Protein backbone atom coordinates (compact mmCIF):
# COMPACT_ATOMS: atom_id res chain seq x y z
CA MET A 1 -19.60 8.65 -71.57
CA LYS A 2 -22.30 10.30 -69.49
CA MET A 3 -23.34 6.90 -68.17
CA ARG A 4 -19.79 6.17 -67.00
CA VAL A 5 -19.56 9.51 -65.18
CA ALA A 6 -22.93 8.94 -63.54
CA ALA A 7 -21.87 5.45 -62.45
CA SER A 8 -18.62 6.77 -60.98
CA VAL A 9 -20.48 9.45 -59.05
CA ALA A 10 -22.93 6.88 -57.73
CA VAL A 11 -20.12 4.59 -56.55
CA THR A 12 -18.34 7.50 -54.84
CA VAL A 13 -21.50 8.58 -53.04
CA LEU A 14 -22.21 5.02 -51.94
CA ALA A 15 -18.66 4.51 -50.62
CA THR A 16 -18.78 7.81 -48.73
CA THR A 17 -22.09 6.85 -47.15
CA VAL A 18 -20.79 3.43 -46.06
CA LEU A 19 -17.60 4.87 -44.56
CA ALA A 20 -19.56 7.56 -42.74
CA GLY A 21 -21.84 4.90 -41.32
CA CYS A 22 -18.84 3.01 -39.94
CA GLN A 23 -18.03 5.99 -37.75
CA PHE A 24 -21.42 5.67 -36.07
CA ILE A 25 -21.24 1.89 -35.67
CA THR A 26 -17.58 1.42 -34.62
CA PRO A 27 -16.79 2.67 -31.08
CA GLN A 28 -14.18 5.42 -31.01
CA GLN A 29 -11.31 4.51 -28.68
CA THR A 30 -10.38 8.16 -28.15
CA ALA A 31 -13.86 8.82 -26.75
CA ARG A 32 -13.43 6.24 -23.99
CA SER A 33 -12.27 7.28 -20.52
CA TYR A 34 -9.29 5.35 -19.19
CA THR A 35 -6.43 5.75 -16.73
CA PRO A 36 -3.06 6.03 -18.52
CA SER A 37 -1.09 4.72 -15.54
CA ASP A 38 -0.69 1.69 -13.29
CA GLY A 39 -3.20 2.92 -10.70
CA VAL A 40 -6.87 3.86 -10.60
CA ASN A 41 -8.70 7.11 -9.89
CA GLY A 42 -11.77 8.13 -7.92
CA SER A 43 -13.23 10.86 -5.71
CA VAL A 44 -14.98 11.25 -2.35
CA GLY A 45 -16.38 14.70 -1.62
CA ASN A 46 -13.60 17.26 -1.94
CA VAL A 47 -10.92 14.57 -2.10
CA GLU A 48 -9.64 13.34 -5.46
CA ILE A 49 -7.98 9.92 -5.55
CA ARG A 50 -5.22 9.74 -8.14
CA ASN A 51 -3.21 6.78 -9.45
CA VAL A 52 -3.54 4.49 -6.42
CA PHE A 53 -2.16 0.96 -6.44
CA LEU A 54 -0.68 -1.58 -4.03
CA ILE A 55 2.87 -2.93 -3.82
CA ASP A 56 2.74 -6.43 -2.37
CA GLY A 57 4.93 -7.11 0.66
CA ALA A 58 5.82 -9.90 3.05
CA GLU A 59 3.58 -11.28 5.79
CA ASP A 60 0.28 -10.14 4.20
CA THR A 61 1.27 -6.46 4.07
CA ALA A 62 1.13 -4.00 1.18
CA SER A 63 2.10 -0.38 0.54
CA LEU A 64 -0.68 1.87 -0.75
CA ILE A 65 0.83 4.21 -3.34
CA GLY A 66 -0.87 7.24 -4.87
CA VAL A 67 -1.92 10.85 -4.28
CA LEU A 68 -4.94 12.33 -2.51
CA THR A 69 -5.80 15.98 -3.26
CA ASN A 70 -8.18 18.18 -1.29
CA SER A 71 -10.00 21.01 -3.06
CA GLY A 72 -11.64 22.19 0.17
CA SER A 73 -10.26 24.77 2.58
CA SER A 74 -10.32 22.44 5.60
CA ALA A 75 -8.39 19.25 6.22
CA GLU A 76 -10.19 16.04 5.29
CA THR A 77 -9.87 12.68 7.04
CA VAL A 78 -10.02 9.78 4.59
CA THR A 79 -10.85 6.33 5.94
CA LEU A 80 -9.56 3.29 4.08
CA GLN A 81 -11.43 0.04 4.60
CA TRP A 82 -10.68 -3.44 3.31
CA THR A 83 -11.44 -7.03 4.27
CA GLY A 84 -8.66 -9.24 5.59
CA ALA A 85 -8.49 -12.75 6.93
CA GLN A 86 -9.45 -11.46 10.39
CA GLY A 87 -12.38 -9.37 9.13
CA ALA A 88 -12.80 -5.66 8.38
CA GLU A 89 -9.64 -3.55 8.60
CA THR A 90 -9.44 0.27 8.61
CA LYS A 91 -6.80 2.98 8.45
CA GLN A 92 -7.15 6.77 8.38
CA VAL A 93 -5.08 9.45 6.67
CA THR A 94 -5.44 13.24 6.68
CA VAL A 95 -5.28 15.43 3.57
CA PRO A 96 -4.52 19.13 4.27
CA GLY A 97 -6.98 21.75 3.06
CA GLY A 98 -6.15 23.01 -0.42
CA GLY A 99 -3.26 20.56 -0.58
CA LEU A 100 -2.35 16.97 -1.18
CA LEU A 101 -1.10 13.83 0.51
CA SER A 102 1.50 11.72 -1.26
CA MET A 103 1.18 8.11 -0.15
CA SER A 104 4.59 6.53 -0.54
CA THR A 105 7.47 5.19 1.52
CA ASP A 106 9.10 8.63 1.29
CA SER A 107 8.03 11.00 4.07
CA ALA A 108 9.34 14.12 2.29
CA THR A 109 7.00 16.95 1.28
CA PRO A 110 6.01 16.29 -2.36
CA SER A 111 5.95 19.93 -3.50
CA ALA A 112 7.08 23.18 -1.95
CA SER A 113 4.49 25.22 -3.91
CA VAL A 114 1.48 23.15 -2.78
CA PRO A 115 0.54 22.53 0.86
CA GLY A 116 1.03 18.85 1.40
CA ALA A 117 2.79 16.02 3.08
CA GLY A 118 4.10 12.58 2.34
CA THR A 119 3.55 9.49 4.42
CA ALA A 120 3.93 5.74 4.18
CA VAL A 121 0.56 3.96 4.21
CA ILE A 122 1.05 0.29 5.06
CA LEU A 123 -2.01 -1.96 4.96
CA GLU A 124 -1.92 -5.12 7.06
CA ASP A 125 -3.78 -8.42 6.74
CA VAL A 126 -4.03 -7.92 2.97
CA GLN A 127 -5.01 -11.12 1.18
CA ALA A 128 -3.98 -9.91 -2.28
CA THR A 129 -2.50 -11.63 -5.31
CA PRO A 130 0.09 -9.79 -7.45
CA GLY A 131 -1.41 -9.07 -10.84
CA GLY A 132 -4.92 -9.00 -9.42
CA LEU A 133 -7.27 -6.33 -8.08
CA PHE A 134 -7.87 -5.68 -4.38
CA PRO A 135 -11.08 -3.90 -3.24
CA ILE A 136 -10.59 -0.86 -0.99
CA THR A 137 -13.29 1.59 0.12
CA PHE A 138 -12.29 5.26 0.46
CA SER A 139 -14.59 7.31 2.70
CA ALA A 140 -14.67 11.06 3.40
CA SER A 141 -17.37 13.67 4.05
CA SER A 142 -20.01 10.92 4.43
CA LYS A 143 -19.28 9.69 0.91
CA ASP A 144 -17.80 6.38 -0.23
CA GLU A 145 -15.84 5.27 -3.28
CA ASP A 146 -15.26 1.57 -3.89
CA LEU A 147 -12.13 0.98 -5.96
CA ARG A 148 -10.56 -2.22 -7.23
CA VAL A 149 -6.90 -1.36 -6.73
CA PRO A 150 -4.21 -3.08 -8.86
CA VAL A 151 -1.67 -5.18 -6.94
CA LEU A 152 1.91 -4.92 -8.22
CA ILE A 153 5.31 -6.18 -7.08
CA ASN A 154 8.56 -4.30 -6.55
CA SER A 155 10.56 -6.17 -9.18
CA PHE A 156 10.38 -3.14 -11.50
CA SER A 157 13.05 -0.51 -10.92
CA GLN A 158 10.54 2.32 -10.38
CA TYR A 159 8.89 0.34 -7.58
CA ALA A 160 12.02 -1.19 -6.04
CA THR A 161 11.86 0.92 -2.86
CA LEU A 162 8.08 0.95 -2.40
CA ALA A 163 7.49 -2.45 -0.81
CA PRO A 164 6.74 -2.36 2.94
CA THR A 165 9.69 -3.18 5.17
CA PRO A 166 8.89 -6.14 7.44
CA THR A 167 9.08 -5.43 11.15
CA PRO A 168 11.98 -7.39 12.68
CA THR A 169 10.94 -9.97 15.25
CA PRO A 170 12.75 -9.45 18.56
CA THR A 171 14.79 -12.43 19.71
CA LYS A 172 14.66 -13.65 23.29
CA THR A 173 17.94 -14.00 25.18
CA ARG A 174 18.16 -16.84 27.70
CA ARG A 175 19.98 -15.92 30.87
CA THR A 176 21.72 -18.40 33.16
CA PRO A 177 20.55 -17.80 36.75
CA LEU A 178 23.27 -16.91 39.23
CA PRO A 179 23.55 -18.99 42.44
CA THR A 180 21.79 -17.43 45.41
CA ASP A 181 23.10 -17.14 48.98
CA SER A 182 20.69 -19.82 50.19
CA ALA A 183 21.89 -22.22 47.51
CA SER A 184 25.49 -21.53 48.47
CA ALA A 185 24.67 -22.05 52.13
CA GLY A 186 22.92 -25.32 51.37
CA ALA A 187 25.92 -26.54 49.46
CA THR A 188 28.15 -25.63 52.40
CA ASP A 189 25.89 -27.36 54.92
CA GLY A 190 25.87 -30.58 52.94
CA ALA A 191 29.67 -30.74 52.59
CA GLU A 192 31.88 -32.61 55.06
CA PRO A 193 33.89 -30.35 57.39
CA THR A 194 37.53 -29.98 56.60
CA PRO A 195 39.68 -31.25 59.52
CA THR A 196 41.77 -28.64 61.28
CA PRO A 197 45.46 -29.58 61.41
CA THR A 198 47.00 -29.81 64.94
CA ASP A 199 50.56 -29.20 66.01
CA THR A 200 52.57 -32.32 66.97
CA LEU A 201 55.11 -31.96 69.78
CA ALA A 202 58.45 -33.57 69.16
CA GLY A 203 59.44 -36.10 71.92
């Protein structure tokens, strides 16, 4: 009987040791850092980059969606840089001090309790593939952050209004030139004179 109890205790201790060892060998998913959203995050100086992604548009354009927050007291200018078919492209946005900038197609202020603004940020000459990642460099306060930004499409209902609106191409109207005085005079000079009727006296 004592031998059975001792064997049971030994098995229990061995199983506990093996299971405890698994915790050290197997990576814990909850300990990994990840972004629970469609976009990616980053930071440059006092500016935090939150949940940024692209909505693909027509004619090599894309809307940059996301939020930039500024923990400093002064406004920060953030430079966006990417590579297009024509070479390096840049665009600048300003984040108010102690506030945020909501990058969307809605220009309304995102929150009345936090200093901020909303603006549409349209990137041009974007050679991006929906479902892929597009590299964009965010620069502020002499610091850079290279992010690979997800490229999405507006087929989902929550993104239906976020695609950039293409700029309409103006159409040219052809006008028919009116005849000038010289042309009218030339036409008159070339025409045969109309004979003037004369009175005939009755005999």
